[in-house]
């Protein structure tokens, strides 16, 4: 079970979403771009958090893995994905 920090749960709530909304949600490189981030920054950030670039490129990165970082960058990407819809 992935632990999502309270700060991320609150940030999602501030955007009108619940932590349960990200269960089973996947993130892609397009979601990262939609959130306003560039590919080179994404690569560096993923490396800092020991997350898979391939999973992002393939669109199979679990949103829970990003949320577990507790990082505001991750929250912005997840919110962009949630606003896009399931």
PDB file of N, CA and C in Angstrom:
ATOM      1  N   UNK A   1       0.842  -1.188   0.000  1.00  0.00           N
ATOM      2  CA  UNK A   1       0.000   0.000   0.000  1.00  0.00           C
ATOM      3  C   UNK A   1       0.885   1.247   0.000  1.00  0.00           C
ATOM      4  N   UNK A   2       0.587   2.147  -0.892  1.00  0.00           N
ATOM      5  CA  UNK A   2       1.331   3.386  -1.002  1.00  0.00           C
ATOM      6  C   UNK A   2       0.800   4.397   0.008  1.00  0.00           C
ATOM      7  N   UNK A   3       1.709   5.016   0.729  1.00  0.00           N
ATOM      8  CA  UNK A   3       1.324   6.032   1.709  1.00  0.00           C
ATOM      9  C   UNK A   3       1.372   7.401   1.041  1.00  0.00           C
ATOM     10  N   UNK A   4       0.255   8.082   1.074  1.00  0.00           N
ATOM     11  CA  UNK A   4       0.174   9.416   0.492  1.00  0.00           C
ATOM     12  C   UNK A   4       0.220  10.429   1.631  1.00  0.00           C
ATOM     13  N   UNK A   5       1.197  11.326   1.604  1.00  0.00           N
ATOM     14  CA  UNK A   5       1.337  12.307   2.683  1.00  0.00           C
ATOM     15  C   UNK A   5       0.090  13.178   2.853  1.00  0.00           C
ATOM     16  N   UNK A   6      -0.156  13.576   4.076  1.00  0.00           N
ATOM     17  CA  UNK A   6      -1.309  14.429   4.374  1.00  0.00           C
ATOM     18  C   UNK A   6      -1.282  15.714   3.552  1.00  0.00           C
ATOM     19  N   UNK A   7      -0.085  16.240   3.297  1.00  0.00           N
ATOM     20  CA  UNK A   7       0.019  17.481   2.524  1.00  0.00           C
ATOM     21  C   UNK A   7      -0.524  17.296   1.104  1.00  0.00           C
ATOM     22  N   UNK A   8      -0.328  16.114   0.536  1.00  0.00           N
ATOM     23  CA  UNK A   8      -0.839  15.821  -0.804  1.00  0.00           C
ATOM     24  C   UNK A   8      -2.349  15.636  -0.757  1.00  0.00           C
ATOM     25  N   UNK A   9      -2.824  14.929   0.256  1.00  0.00           N
ATOM     26  CA  UNK A   9      -4.273  14.750   0.418  1.00  0.00           C
ATOM     27  C   UNK A   9      -4.948  16.115   0.521  1.00  0.00           C
ATOM     28  N   UNK A  10      -4.354  17.027   1.301  1.00  0.00           N
ATOM     29  CA  UNK A  10      -4.920  18.369   1.459  1.00  0.00           C
ATOM     30  C   UNK A  10      -4.854  19.153   0.156  1.00  0.00           C
ATOM     31  N   UNK A  11      -3.739  19.049  -0.553  1.00  0.00           N
ATOM     32  CA  UNK A  11      -3.601  19.762  -1.828  1.00  0.00           C
ATOM     33  C   UNK A  11      -4.630  19.270  -2.842  1.00  0.00           C
ATOM     34  N   UNK A  12      -4.875  17.969  -2.865  1.00  0.00           N
ATOM     35  CA  UNK A  12      -5.914  17.426  -3.749  1.00  0.00           C
ATOM     36  C   UNK A  12      -7.283  17.949  -3.343  1.00  0.00           C
ATOM     37  N   UNK A  13      -7.553  17.969  -2.040  1.00  0.00           N
ATOM     38  CA  UNK A  13      -8.838  18.467  -1.535  1.00  0.00           C
ATOM     39  C   UNK A  13      -9.027  19.939  -1.908  1.00  0.00           C
ATOM     40  N   UNK A  14      -7.947  20.707  -1.831  1.00  0.00           N
ATOM     41  CA  UNK A  14      -8.014  22.122  -2.199  1.00  0.00           C
ATOM     42  C   UNK A  14      -8.415  22.313  -3.659  1.00  0.00           C
ATOM     43  N   UNK A  15      -8.130  21.305  -4.482  1.00  0.00           N
ATOM     44  CA  UNK A  15      -8.480  21.342  -5.906  1.00  0.00           C
ATOM     45  C   UNK A  15      -9.813  20.652  -6.195  1.00  0.00           C
ATOM     46  N   UNK A  16     -10.479  20.167  -5.138  1.00  0.00           N
ATOM     47  CA  UNK A  16     -11.793  19.535  -5.307  1.00  0.00           C
ATOM     48  C   UNK A  16     -11.746  18.033  -5.525  1.00  0.00           C
ATOM     49  N   UNK A  17     -10.612  17.409  -5.209  1.00  0.00           N
ATOM     50  CA  UNK A  17     -10.453  15.975  -5.406  1.00  0.00           C
ATOM     51  C   UNK A  17     -10.148  15.284  -4.089  1.00  0.00           C
ATOM     52  N   UNK A  18     -10.397  13.983  -4.044  1.00  0.00           N
ATOM     53  CA  UNK A  18     -10.086  13.167  -2.867  1.00  0.00           C
ATOM     54  C   UNK A  18      -8.939  12.230  -3.214  1.00  0.00           C
ATOM     55  N   UNK A  19      -8.248  11.772  -2.199  1.00  0.00           N
ATOM     56  CA  UNK A  19      -7.142  10.830  -2.415  1.00  0.00           C
ATOM     57  C   UNK A  19      -7.635   9.588  -3.139  1.00  0.00           C
ATOM     58  N   UNK A  20      -8.861   9.189  -2.896  1.00  0.00           N
ATOM     59  CA  UNK A  20      -9.405   8.001  -3.559  1.00  0.00           C
ATOM     60  C   UNK A  20      -9.569   8.206  -5.066  1.00  0.00           C
ATOM     61  N   UNK A  21      -9.596   9.459  -5.507  1.00  0.00           N
ATOM     62  CA  UNK A  21      -9.733   9.738  -6.941  1.00  0.00           C
ATOM     63  C   UNK A  21      -8.516   9.309  -7.741  1.00  0.00           C
ATOM     64  N   UNK A  22      -7.377   9.122  -7.076  1.00  0.00           N
ATOM     65  CA  UNK A  22      -6.174   8.751  -7.821  1.00  0.00           C
ATOM     66  C   UNK A  22      -5.925   7.248  -7.837  1.00  0.00           C
ATOM     67  N   UNK A  23      -6.757   6.486  -7.148  1.00  0.00           N
ATOM     68  CA  UNK A  23      -6.599   5.026  -7.147  1.00  0.00           C
ATOM     69  C   UNK A  23      -6.786   4.494  -8.559  1.00  0.00           C
ATOM     70  N   UNK A  24      -5.786   3.794  -9.062  1.00  0.00           N
ATOM     71  CA  UNK A  24      -5.854   3.217 -10.405  1.00  0.00           C
ATOM     72  C   UNK A  24      -5.581   4.200 -11.527  1.00  0.00           C
ATOM     73  N   UNK A  25      -5.346   5.462 -11.196  1.00  0.00           N
ATOM     74  CA  UNK A  25      -5.080   6.489 -12.191  1.00  0.00           C
ATOM     75  C   UNK A  25      -3.623   6.390 -12.646  1.00  0.00           C
ATOM     76  N   UNK A  26      -3.390   6.511 -13.945  1.00  0.00           N
ATOM     77  CA  UNK A  26      -2.024   6.478 -14.458  1.00  0.00           C
ATOM     78  C   UNK A  26      -1.662   7.834 -15.057  1.00  0.00           C
ATOM     79  N   UNK A  27      -0.367   8.097 -15.049  1.00  0.00           N
ATOM     80  CA  UNK A  27       0.164   9.379 -15.510  1.00  0.00           C
ATOM     81  C   UNK A  27       1.072   9.131 -16.712  1.00  0.00           C
ATOM     82  N   UNK A  28       0.992  10.027 -17.685  1.00  0.00           N
ATOM     83  CA  UNK A  28       1.830   9.924 -18.881  1.00  0.00           C
ATOM     84  C   UNK A  28       2.671  11.188 -19.048  1.00  0.00           C
ATOM     85  N   UNK A  29       3.587  11.136 -19.988  1.00  0.00           N
ATOM     86  CA  UNK A  29       4.400  12.309 -20.310  1.00  0.00           C
ATOM     87  C   UNK A  29       3.512  13.462 -20.780  1.00  0.00           C
ATOM     88  N   UNK A  30       2.431  13.151 -21.470  1.00  0.00           N
ATOM     89  CA  UNK A  30       1.506  14.197 -21.904  1.00  0.00           C
ATOM     90  C   UNK A  30       0.886  14.916 -20.714  1.00  0.00           C
ATOM     91  N   UNK A  31       0.604  14.181 -19.647  1.00  0.00           N
ATOM     92  CA  UNK A  31       0.060  14.810 -18.443  1.00  0.00           C
ATOM     93  C   UNK A  31       1.076  15.766 -17.831  1.00  0.00           C
ATOM     94  N   UNK A  32       2.335  15.371 -17.873  1.00  0.00           N
ATOM     95  CA  UNK A  32       3.404  16.228 -17.353  1.00  0.00           C
ATOM     96  C   UNK A  32       3.462  17.511 -18.172  1.00  0.00           C
ATOM     97  N   UNK A  33       3.388  17.386 -19.483  1.00  0.00           N
ATOM     98  CA  UNK A  33       3.409  18.565 -20.348  1.00  0.00           C
ATOM     99  C   UNK A  33       2.179  19.444 -20.120  1.00  0.00           C
ATOM    100  N   UNK A  34       1.012  18.826 -19.978  1.00  0.00           N
ATOM    101  CA  UNK A  34      -0.215  19.585 -19.727  1.00  0.00           C
ATOM    102  C   UNK A  34      -0.129  20.390 -18.427  1.00  0.00           C
ATOM    103  N   UNK A  35       0.642  19.868 -17.488  1.00  0.00           N
ATOM    104  CA  UNK A  35       0.823  20.572 -16.210  1.00  0.00           C
ATOM    105  C   UNK A  35       1.818  21.721 -16.337  1.00  0.00           C
ATOM    106  N   UNK A  36       2.450  21.838 -17.511  1.00  0.00           N
ATOM    107  CA  UNK A  36       3.346  22.957 -17.765  1.00  0.00           C
ATOM    108  C   UNK A  36       4.818  22.662 -17.550  1.00  0.00           C
ATOM    109  N   UNK A  37       5.176  21.391 -17.462  1.00  0.00           N
ATOM    110  CA  UNK A  37       6.565  21.017 -17.224  1.00  0.00           C
ATOM    111  C   UNK A  37       7.202  20.462 -18.495  1.00  0.00           C
ATOM    112  N   UNK A  38       8.513  20.634 -18.597  1.00  0.00           N
ATOM    113  CA  UNK A  38       9.244  20.192 -19.784  1.00  0.00           C
ATOM    114  C   UNK A  38       9.826  18.792 -19.589  1.00  0.00           C
ATOM    115  N   UNK A  39      10.204  18.180 -20.704  1.00  0.00           N
ATOM    116  CA  UNK A  39      10.730  16.813 -20.680  1.00  0.00           C
ATOM    117  C   UNK A  39      12.040  16.709 -19.905  1.00  0.00           C
ATOM    118  N   UNK A  40      12.931  17.667 -20.083  1.00  0.00           N
ATOM    119  CA  UNK A  40      14.222  17.571 -19.383  1.00  0.00           C
ATOM    120  C   UNK A  40      14.040  17.719 -17.875  1.00  0.00           C
ATOM    121  N   UNK A  41      13.166  18.612 -17.467  1.00  0.00           N
ATOM    122  CA  UNK A  41      12.879  18.757 -16.040  1.00  0.00           C
ATOM    123  C   UNK A  41      12.213  17.514 -15.476  1.00  0.00           C
ATOM    124  N   UNK A  42      11.342  16.918 -16.284  1.00  0.00           N
ATOM    125  CA  UNK A  42      10.660  15.694 -15.866  1.00  0.00           C
ATOM    126  C   UNK A  42      11.673  14.578 -15.635  1.00  0.00           C
ATOM    127  N   UNK A  43      12.610  14.437 -16.540  1.00  0.00           N
ATOM    128  CA  UNK A  43      13.640  13.393 -16.399  1.00  0.00           C
ATOM    129  C   UNK A  43      14.432  13.581 -15.109  1.00  0.00           C
ATOM    130  N   UNK A  44      14.849  14.812 -14.867  1.00  0.00           N
ATOM    131  CA  UNK A  44      15.635  15.104 -13.665  1.00  0.00           C
ATOM    132  C   UNK A  44      14.818  14.828 -12.408  1.00  0.00           C
ATOM    133  N   UNK A  45      13.575  15.271 -12.400  1.00  0.00           N
ATOM    134  CA  UNK A  45      12.717  15.084 -11.226  1.00  0.00           C
ATOM    135  C   UNK A  45      12.474  13.607 -10.957  1.00  0.00           C
ATOM    136  N   UNK A  46      12.176  12.852 -12.002  1.00  0.00           N
ATOM    137  CA  UNK A  46      11.950  11.409 -11.835  1.00  0.00           C
ATOM    138  C   UNK A  46      13.194  10.741 -11.265  1.00  0.00           C
ATOM    139  N   UNK A  47      14.364  11.132 -11.766  1.00  0.00           N
ATOM    140  CA  UNK A  47      15.610  10.574 -11.263  1.00  0.00           C
ATOM    141  C   UNK A  47      15.827  10.889  -9.792  1.00  0.00           C
ATOM    142  N   UNK A  48      15.514  12.101  -9.388  1.00  0.00           N
ATOM    143  CA  UNK A  48      15.658  12.499  -7.981  1.00  0.00           C
ATOM    144  C   UNK A  48      14.782  11.659  -7.058  1.00  0.00           C
ATOM    145  N   UNK A  49      13.659  11.197  -7.575  1.00  0.00           N
ATOM    146  CA  UNK A  49      12.705  10.440  -6.764  1.00  0.00           C
ATOM    147  C   UNK A  49      12.729   8.944  -7.076  1.00  0.00           C
ATOM    148  N   UNK A  50      13.703   8.525  -7.859  1.00  0.00           N
ATOM    149  CA  UNK A  50      13.872   7.122  -8.220  1.00  0.00           C
ATOM    150  C   UNK A  50      12.596   6.531  -8.830  1.00  0.00           C
ATOM    151  N   UNK A  51      11.988   7.301  -9.737  1.00  0.00           N
ATOM    152  CA  UNK A  51      10.788   6.866 -10.441  1.00  0.00           C
ATOM    153  C   UNK A  51      11.149   6.587 -11.898  1.00  0.00           C
ATOM    154  N   UNK A  52      10.373   5.760 -12.546  1.00  0.00           N
ATOM    155  CA  UNK A  52      10.663   5.264 -13.884  1.00  0.00           C
ATOM    156  C   UNK A  52      10.263   6.234 -14.997  1.00  0.00           C
ATOM    157  N   UNK A  53      11.249   6.645 -15.771  1.00  0.00           N
ATOM    158  CA  UNK A  53      10.972   7.445 -16.962  1.00  0.00           C
ATOM    159  C   UNK A  53      10.155   6.620 -17.954  1.00  0.00           C
ATOM    160  N   UNK A  54      10.479   5.349 -18.093  1.00  0.00           N
ATOM    161  CA  UNK A  54       9.741   4.493 -19.030  1.00  0.00           C
ATOM    162  C   UNK A  54       8.256   4.429 -18.681  1.00  0.00           C
ATOM    163  N   UNK A  55       7.936   4.352 -17.407  1.00  0.00           N
ATOM    164  CA  UNK A  55       6.529   4.288 -17.007  1.00  0.00           C
ATOM    165  C   UNK A  55       5.787   5.558 -17.408  1.00  0.00           C
ATOM    166  N   UNK A  56       6.434   6.705 -17.273  1.00  0.00           N
ATOM    167  CA  UNK A  56       5.812   7.973 -17.685  1.00  0.00           C
ATOM    168  C   UNK A  56       5.631   7.993 -19.200  1.00  0.00           C
ATOM    169  N   UNK A  57       6.662   7.622 -19.929  1.00  0.00           N
ATOM    170  CA  UNK A  57       6.601   7.624 -21.395  1.00  0.00           C
ATOM    171  C   UNK A  57       5.517   6.665 -21.885  1.00  0.00           C
ATOM    172  N   UNK A  58       5.401   5.506 -21.255  1.00  0.00           N
ATOM    173  CA  UNK A  58       4.400   4.515 -21.642  1.00  0.00           C
ATOM    174  C   UNK A  58       3.003   4.837 -21.103  1.00  0.00           C
ATOM    175  N   UNK A  59       2.913   5.826 -20.217  1.00  0.00           N
ATOM    176  CA  UNK A  59       1.609   6.207 -19.656  1.00  0.00           C
ATOM    177  C   UNK A  59       1.111   5.251 -18.596  1.00  0.00           C
ATOM    178  N   UNK A  60       2.045   4.566 -17.936  1.00  0.00           N
ATOM    179  CA  UNK A  60       1.649   3.563 -16.935  1.00  0.00           C
ATOM    180  C   UNK A  60       2.107   3.907 -15.520  1.00  0.00           C
ATOM    181  N   UNK A  61       2.556   5.137 -15.285  1.00  0.00           N
ATOM    182  CA  UNK A  61       3.017   5.538 -13.955  1.00  0.00           C
ATOM    183  C   UNK A  61       1.804   5.693 -13.028  1.00  0.00           C
ATOM    184  N   UNK A  62       1.736   4.912 -11.964  1.00  0.00           N
ATOM    185  CA  UNK A  62       0.625   5.074 -11.020  1.00  0.00           C
ATOM    186  C   UNK A  62       0.669   6.456 -10.363  1.00  0.00           C
ATOM    187  N   UNK A  63      -0.447   7.134 -10.357  1.00  0.00           N
ATOM    188  CA  UNK A  63      -0.525   8.446  -9.716  1.00  0.00           C
ATOM    189  C   UNK A  63      -0.151   8.349  -8.243  1.00  0.00           C
ATOM    190  N   UNK A  64      -0.447   7.211  -7.625  1.00  0.00           N
ATOM    191  CA  UNK A  64      -0.108   7.024  -6.211  1.00  0.00           C
ATOM    192  C   UNK A  64       1.400   7.117  -5.984  1.00  0.00           C
ATOM    193  N   UNK A  65       2.194   6.634  -6.956  1.00  0.00           N
ATOM    194  CA  UNK A  65       3.651   6.703  -6.823  1.00  0.00           C
ATOM    195  C   UNK A  65       4.125   8.151  -6.832  1.00  0.00           C
ATOM    196  N   UNK A  66       3.522   8.961  -7.693  1.00  0.00           N
ATOM    197  CA  UNK A  66       3.873  10.378  -7.706  1.00  0.00           C
ATOM    198  C   UNK A  66       3.423  11.047  -6.415  1.00  0.00           C
ATOM    199  N   UNK A  67       2.205  10.757  -5.997  1.00  0.00           N
ATOM    200  CA  UNK A  67       1.669  11.366  -4.777  1.00  0.00           C
ATOM    201  C   UNK A  67       2.514  11.030  -3.564  1.00  0.00           C
ATOM    202  N   UNK A  68       3.053   9.829  -3.520  1.00  0.00           N
ATOM    203  CA  UNK A  68       3.856   9.388  -2.373  1.00  0.00           C
ATOM    204  C   UNK A  68       5.114  10.222  -2.179  1.00  0.00           C
ATOM    205  N   UNK A  69       5.553  10.927  -3.234  1.00  0.00           N
ATOM    206  CA  UNK A  69       6.739  11.771  -3.094  1.00  0.00           C
ATOM    207  C   UNK A  69       6.463  12.977  -2.200  1.00  0.00           C
ATOM    208  N   UNK A  70       5.208  13.373  -2.096  1.00  0.00           N
ATOM    209  CA  UNK A  70       4.849  14.544  -1.301  1.00  0.00           C
ATOM    210  C   UNK A  70       5.208  15.859  -1.964  1.00  0.00           C
ATOM    211  N   UNK A  71       5.615  15.796  -3.203  1.00  0.00           N
ATOM    212  CA  UNK A  71       6.137  16.949  -3.916  1.00  0.00           C
ATOM    213  C   UNK A  71       5.026  17.744  -4.603  1.00  0.00           C
ATOM    214  N   UNK A  72       5.134  19.075  -4.563  1.00  0.00           N
ATOM    215  CA  UNK A  72       4.139  19.936  -5.197  1.00  0.00           C
ATOM    216  C   UNK A  72       4.102  19.733  -6.712  1.00  0.00           C
ATOM    217  N   UNK A  73       5.245  19.414  -7.321  1.00  0.00           N
ATOM    218  CA  UNK A  73       5.316  19.108  -8.753  1.00  0.00           C
ATOM    219  C   UNK A  73       4.378  17.934  -9.053  1.00  0.00           C
ATOM    220  N   UNK A  74       4.473  16.905  -8.244  1.00  0.00           N
ATOM    221  CA  UNK A  74       3.642  15.714  -8.439  1.00  0.00           C
ATOM    222  C   UNK A  74       2.167  16.060  -8.324  1.00  0.00           C
ATOM    223  N   UNK A  75       1.829  16.876  -7.345  1.00  0.00           N
ATOM    224  CA  UNK A  75       0.425  17.264  -7.149  1.00  0.00           C
ATOM    225  C   UNK A  75      -0.083  18.002  -8.377  1.00  0.00           C
ATOM    226  N   UNK A  76       0.714  18.909  -8.909  1.00  0.00           N
ATOM    227  CA  UNK A  76       0.286  19.669 -10.082  1.00  0.00           C
ATOM    228  C   UNK A  76       0.023  18.741 -11.269  1.00  0.00           C
ATOM    229  N   UNK A  77       0.884  17.767 -11.467  1.00  0.00           N
ATOM    230  CA  UNK A  77       0.709  16.814 -12.560  1.00  0.00           C
ATOM    231  C   UNK A  77      -0.546  15.963 -12.331  1.00  0.00           C
ATOM    232  N   UNK A  78      -0.738  15.482 -11.121  1.00  0.00           N
ATOM    233  CA  UNK A  78      -1.907  14.654 -10.809  1.00  0.00           C
ATOM    234  C   UNK A  78      -3.198  15.449 -11.001  1.00  0.00           C
ATOM    235  N   UNK A  79      -3.209  16.683 -10.544  1.00  0.00           N
ATOM    236  CA  UNK A  79      -4.408  17.518 -10.699  1.00  0.00           C
ATOM    237  C   UNK A  79      -4.690  17.760 -12.176  1.00  0.00           C
ATOM    238  N   UNK A  80      -3.658  18.006 -12.969  1.00  0.00           N
ATOM    239  CA  UNK A  80      -3.860  18.187 -14.407  1.00  0.00           C
ATOM    240  C   UNK A  80      -4.489  16.939 -15.011  1.00  0.00           C
ATOM    241  N   UNK A  81      -4.019  15.784 -14.586  1.00  0.00           N
ATOM    242  CA  UNK A  81      -4.570  14.512 -15.085  1.00  0.00           C
ATOM    243  C   UNK A  81      -6.019  14.336 -14.649  1.00  0.00           C
ATOM    244  N   UNK A  82      -6.307  14.638 -13.389  1.00  0.00           N
ATOM    245  CA  UNK A  82      -7.678  14.498 -12.887  1.00  0.00           C
ATOM    246  C   UNK A  82      -8.627  15.446 -13.619  1.00  0.00           C
ATOM    247  N   UNK A  83      -8.168  16.632 -13.915  1.00  0.00           N
ATOM    248  CA  UNK A  83      -9.011  17.589 -14.628  1.00  0.00           C
ATOM    249  C   UNK A  83      -9.274  17.163 -16.063  1.00  0.00           C
ATOM    250  N   UNK A  84      -8.361  16.354 -16.613  1.00  0.00           N
ATOM    251  CA  UNK A  84      -8.543  15.814 -17.961  1.00  0.00           C
ATOM    252  C   UNK A  84      -9.630  14.744 -17.982  1.00  0.00           C
ATOM    253  N   UNK A  85      -9.825  14.116 -16.833  1.00  0.00           N
ATOM    254  CA  UNK A  85     -10.843  13.077 -16.734  1.00  0.00           C
ATOM    255  C   UNK A  85     -10.244  11.689 -16.801  1.00  0.00           C
ATOM    256  N   UNK A  86     -11.064  10.717 -16.500  1.00  0.00           N
ATOM    257  CA  UNK A  86     -10.628   9.325 -16.490  1.00  0.00           C
ATOM    258  C   UNK A  86     -10.796   8.770 -17.878  1.00  0.00           C
TER     259      UNK A  86
END
